[in-house]
Amino acid sequence: MTGDAVALHAGWQFASTLPGACPDPSQLAGLAWREAEVPGTVASALGEAASGVEIDAHDWWFRTEFASSEAGPAWLRFEGLATLATVWLNGQPILESKNMFVPSRVPVSLAARNTLVIRFASLAAALAMKRPRPKWKTALVREQNLRWFRTTLLGRMPGWNPSLPPVGPWREIVLEQGPASGWQATLAPRPPHGRALARRWSSVCRLARPSPR
C-alpha cells in the first residue's frame, strides 16, 4: 500500500528583504508579495524586470498555504533549494539547506491548515565573509569565494551568461502522507553520471531564464 504524494504548486508568493532584515517569518508583515510559480526561481518570477535586480544581494522569501485532510505526521520533500535556504512550517523551523543540488526529506506534523515559508538568504552577503584565499584563482567569476558554496556558476560568470543567478525552489516540493510516508529504500540502476548531470543543468538553465510577461 502506498501513501499519497502531492506536489505543492499552488498559491506561492515571493518577496524580498535586505540581508538579515527578517530573521524569521513572524517579521514579514508589510512586504510587497507577488505571485510565483514553483518549481521556479526569482528570475523566472520577476520576468523581464529581473534584469534590473541584483538577485544575490537580497534575501528572498517564498510562502504558500495548503490544507491537509489528515492532521498529524507526514513528510515534506524538497528536491532542490537554491541555495542558502531555511524552511519553516507553521512558524517552526524544519530545515536548513546549503546545497542546491541535494534533495532533502523532512518529517513534519501537519495541522488542518498549514503555512510553508522558505527564506533564501543573500549569497552576496555570505560571499562577503572572510575566508581563506584560494591557491588557484579563476577568471570566470568575480567572487572567488563561490568555491565554498554548492551552487551553480550560471548567472555568476560575467560575459558568459546574463547576470540572473537561479535563486529559489528550483525543483519540486512534495507533501507525502499515508502509510508509506516513512523512509523507504529502493534499489534501481544508477544512470550514467554525465547524463544525469546534463539533465540537471538543463533544468537550472531553463529556470534561470526570465519568463516573458
Protein backbone atom coordinates (compact mmCIF):
# COMPACT_ATOMS: atom_id res chain seq x y z
CA MET A 1 0.00 0.00 0.00
CA THR A 2 1.42 3.40 -0.94
CA GLY A 3 0.87 6.81 0.56
CA ASP A 4 -0.24 10.00 -1.15
CA ALA A 5 2.35 12.34 -2.67
CA VAL A 6 1.20 15.79 -3.78
CA ALA A 7 3.45 18.42 -5.37
CA LEU A 8 2.87 21.83 -3.78
CA HIS A 9 2.42 24.01 -6.86
CA ALA A 10 -0.43 26.32 -5.91
CA GLY A 11 -0.64 29.60 -4.02
CA TRP A 12 3.03 30.56 -3.93
CA GLN A 13 4.11 34.15 -3.34
CA PHE A 14 7.53 35.75 -3.05
CA ALA A 15 9.04 38.94 -1.65
CA SER A 16 12.48 40.39 -0.91
CA THR A 17 14.17 41.99 2.07
CA LEU A 18 17.60 43.34 2.84
CA PRO A 19 20.03 40.65 4.00
CA GLY A 20 19.23 39.63 7.58
CA ALA A 21 16.39 42.15 7.93
CA CYS A 22 13.86 39.46 8.91
CA PRO A 23 15.27 36.56 10.92
CA ASP A 24 12.02 34.56 10.82
CA PRO A 25 8.53 34.63 9.26
CA SER A 26 6.96 36.46 12.21
CA GLN A 27 8.51 39.71 10.94
CA LEU A 28 7.31 39.58 7.33
CA ALA A 29 4.26 41.82 7.72
CA GLY A 30 4.08 44.68 5.24
CA LEU A 31 6.20 43.14 2.48
CA ALA A 32 5.18 43.51 -1.16
CA TRP A 33 4.24 39.94 -2.05
CA ARG A 34 3.91 38.81 -5.67
CA GLU A 35 2.77 35.58 -7.25
CA ALA A 36 5.36 32.93 -8.10
CA GLU A 37 5.47 29.56 -9.82
CA VAL A 38 7.08 26.64 -8.01
CA PRO A 39 9.25 24.96 -9.16
CA GLY A 40 10.80 28.24 -10.20
CA THR A 41 13.33 30.92 -9.37
CA VAL A 42 13.31 34.60 -8.51
CA ALA A 43 14.43 35.42 -12.06
CA SER A 44 11.62 33.42 -13.67
CA ALA A 45 9.07 35.02 -11.31
CA LEU A 46 10.29 38.56 -11.99
CA GLY A 47 10.26 38.08 -15.75
CA GLU A 48 11.74 40.97 -17.71
CA ALA A 49 12.15 43.01 -14.52
CA ALA A 50 14.82 40.55 -13.33
CA SER A 51 17.50 42.18 -15.49
CA GLY A 52 17.47 45.25 -13.24
CA VAL A 53 17.73 43.37 -9.93
CA GLU A 54 20.88 42.16 -8.15
CA ILE A 55 19.30 38.89 -7.12
CA ASP A 56 22.16 37.64 -4.93
CA ALA A 57 22.15 40.91 -2.96
CA HIS A 58 18.76 40.25 -1.30
CA ASP A 59 17.06 37.76 0.97
CA TRP A 60 14.17 36.19 -0.92
CA TRP A 61 11.11 34.74 0.79
CA PHE A 62 8.66 32.24 -0.70
CA ARG A 63 5.44 31.21 1.04
CA THR A 64 2.30 29.19 0.46
CA GLU A 65 -0.62 27.72 2.41
CA PHE A 66 -2.06 24.26 1.98
CA ALA A 67 -4.77 22.20 3.62
CA SER A 68 -4.35 18.68 4.96
CA SER A 69 -7.16 16.16 5.09
CA GLU A 70 -5.22 14.26 7.76
CA ALA A 71 -3.58 16.23 10.55
CA GLY A 72 -0.56 14.52 12.03
CA PRO A 73 2.72 13.00 10.82
CA ALA A 74 3.83 13.47 7.22
CA TRP A 75 6.93 14.22 5.16
CA LEU A 76 7.97 17.21 3.08
CA ARG A 77 10.39 16.52 0.26
CA PHE A 78 12.46 19.35 -1.20
CA GLU A 79 14.07 18.30 -4.48
CA GLY A 80 16.22 21.42 -4.84
CA LEU A 81 16.58 24.71 -2.96
CA ALA A 82 18.98 27.33 -4.36
CA THR A 83 20.92 27.94 -2.29
CA LEU A 84 21.15 29.12 1.35
CA ALA A 85 17.67 28.07 2.42
CA THR A 86 15.83 27.95 5.73
CA VAL A 87 12.35 26.43 5.85
CA TRP A 88 9.55 26.98 8.37
CA LEU A 89 6.28 25.08 8.67
CA ASN A 90 3.58 26.78 10.75
CA GLY A 91 6.20 29.08 12.26
CA GLN A 92 8.60 26.31 13.29
CA PRO A 93 11.99 25.82 11.56
CA ILE A 94 12.23 22.39 9.96
CA LEU A 95 15.19 22.55 7.56
CA GLU A 96 18.40 24.35 6.66
CA SER A 97 19.90 23.59 3.26
CA LYS A 98 23.16 24.90 1.80
CA ASN A 99 23.42 22.77 -1.33
CA MET A 100 21.14 23.45 -4.29
CA PHE A 101 21.80 20.02 -5.82
CA VAL A 102 20.98 17.80 -2.82
CA PRO A 103 17.33 16.94 -2.06
CA SER A 104 16.00 16.84 1.50
CA ARG A 105 13.16 14.86 3.09
CA VAL A 106 11.86 16.15 6.40
CA PRO A 107 9.40 14.61 8.91
CA VAL A 108 6.71 17.12 9.90
CA SER A 109 3.49 17.34 11.86
CA LEU A 110 0.61 18.83 9.89
CA ALA A 111 -2.36 20.88 11.03
CA ALA A 112 -5.64 21.17 9.14
CA ARG A 113 -4.28 24.37 7.57
CA ASN A 114 -0.55 24.87 7.09
CA THR A 115 1.81 27.68 6.14
CA LEU A 116 5.12 26.88 4.49
CA VAL A 117 7.76 29.62 4.31
CA ILE A 118 11.25 29.46 2.78
CA ARG A 119 13.98 32.08 3.07
CA PHE A 120 16.79 32.12 0.52
CA ALA A 121 19.50 34.15 2.20
CA SER A 122 21.62 36.61 0.26
CA LEU A 123 24.55 34.81 -1.32
CA ALA A 124 26.35 38.13 -1.78
CA ALA A 125 26.27 38.69 1.99
CA ALA A 126 27.66 35.20 2.58
CA LEU A 127 30.38 35.71 -0.04
CA ALA A 128 31.49 38.90 1.73
CA MET A 129 32.56 36.93 4.80
CA LYS A 130 36.30 36.48 5.07
CA ARG A 131 37.59 33.01 4.16
CA PRO A 132 40.98 31.50 3.32
CA ARG A 133 42.32 32.70 -0.03
CA PRO A 134 42.26 30.10 -2.82
CA LYS A 135 45.53 28.68 -4.03
CA TRP A 136 44.31 28.87 -7.61
CA LYS A 137 42.04 31.59 -8.96
CA THR A 138 39.68 31.54 -11.92
CA ALA A 139 38.85 34.41 -14.24
CA LEU A 140 35.38 33.02 -14.87
CA VAL A 141 33.86 34.60 -11.76
CA ARG A 142 34.37 37.79 -9.80
CA GLU A 143 33.77 36.12 -6.45
CA GLN A 144 36.48 33.59 -5.66
CA ASN A 145 34.58 32.61 -2.51
CA LEU A 146 31.96 30.87 -4.65
CA ARG A 147 34.10 27.76 -4.29
CA TRP A 148 32.80 27.48 -0.70
CA PHE A 149 29.17 27.14 -1.79
CA ARG A 150 27.41 24.25 -3.50
CA THR A 151 25.62 26.32 -6.10
CA THR A 152 25.74 26.90 -9.83
CA LEU A 153 28.02 29.41 -11.54
CA LEU A 154 25.30 30.15 -14.09
CA GLY A 155 24.35 33.80 -13.80
CA ARG A 156 27.59 34.49 -11.92
CA MET A 157 30.08 34.37 -14.82
CA PRO A 158 30.26 37.83 -16.43
CA GLY A 159 30.42 37.67 -20.19
CA TRP A 160 29.26 34.05 -20.36
CA ASN A 161 25.58 34.40 -19.47
CA PRO A 162 23.13 37.03 -18.16
CA SER A 163 23.51 38.03 -14.51
CA LEU A 164 20.43 36.06 -13.46
CA PRO A 165 21.57 33.51 -10.89
CA PRO A 166 18.96 30.87 -10.04
CA VAL A 167 17.68 31.55 -6.52
CA GLY A 168 14.59 29.85 -5.14
CA PRO A 169 12.80 26.48 -5.05
CA TRP A 170 14.02 25.41 -8.48
CA ARG A 171 12.78 21.83 -8.18
CA GLU A 172 9.64 20.15 -6.83
CA ILE A 173 8.37 20.45 -3.25
CA VAL A 174 6.26 17.41 -2.40
CA LEU A 175 3.97 16.57 0.52
CA GLU A 176 3.89 12.86 1.40
CA GLN A 177 1.14 11.41 3.57
CA GLY A 178 -0.19 7.94 4.26
CA PRO A 179 1.13 4.53 5.32
CA ALA A 180 4.22 4.71 3.10
CA SER A 181 5.36 8.17 4.16
CA GLY A 182 8.26 6.75 6.20
CA TRP A 183 11.75 6.18 4.83
CA GLN A 184 11.94 3.56 2.09
CA ALA A 185 14.98 2.17 0.34
CA THR A 186 14.75 1.50 -3.37
CA LEU A 187 17.34 -0.30 -5.46
CA ALA A 188 17.48 0.90 -9.05
CA PRO A 189 20.13 1.15 -11.77
CA ARG A 190 22.09 4.37 -11.44
CA PRO A 191 22.09 6.44 -14.63
CA PRO A 192 25.39 7.49 -16.19
CA HIS A 193 26.77 10.47 -14.29
CA GLY A 194 27.13 12.64 -17.35
CA ARG A 195 23.53 12.11 -18.47
CA ALA A 196 22.06 12.88 -15.04
CA LEU A 197 24.24 15.98 -14.68
CA ALA A 198 23.20 17.22 -18.13
CA ARG A 199 19.51 16.90 -17.22
CA ARG A 200 20.00 18.83 -14.00
CA TRP A 201 21.99 21.62 -15.68
CA SER A 202 19.25 21.84 -18.31
CA SER A 203 16.72 22.45 -15.53
CA VAL A 204 18.89 25.17 -13.99
CA CYS A 205 19.29 26.95 -17.33
CA ARG A 206 15.54 26.84 -18.02
CA LEU A 207 14.55 28.23 -14.62
CA ALA A 208 17.25 30.93 -14.60
CA ARG A 209 15.80 32.37 -17.82
CA PRO A 210 13.17 35.08 -17.19
CA SER A 211 9.73 34.15 -18.43
CA PRO A 212 8.08 36.57 -20.90
CA ARG A 213 5.43 38.83 -19.46
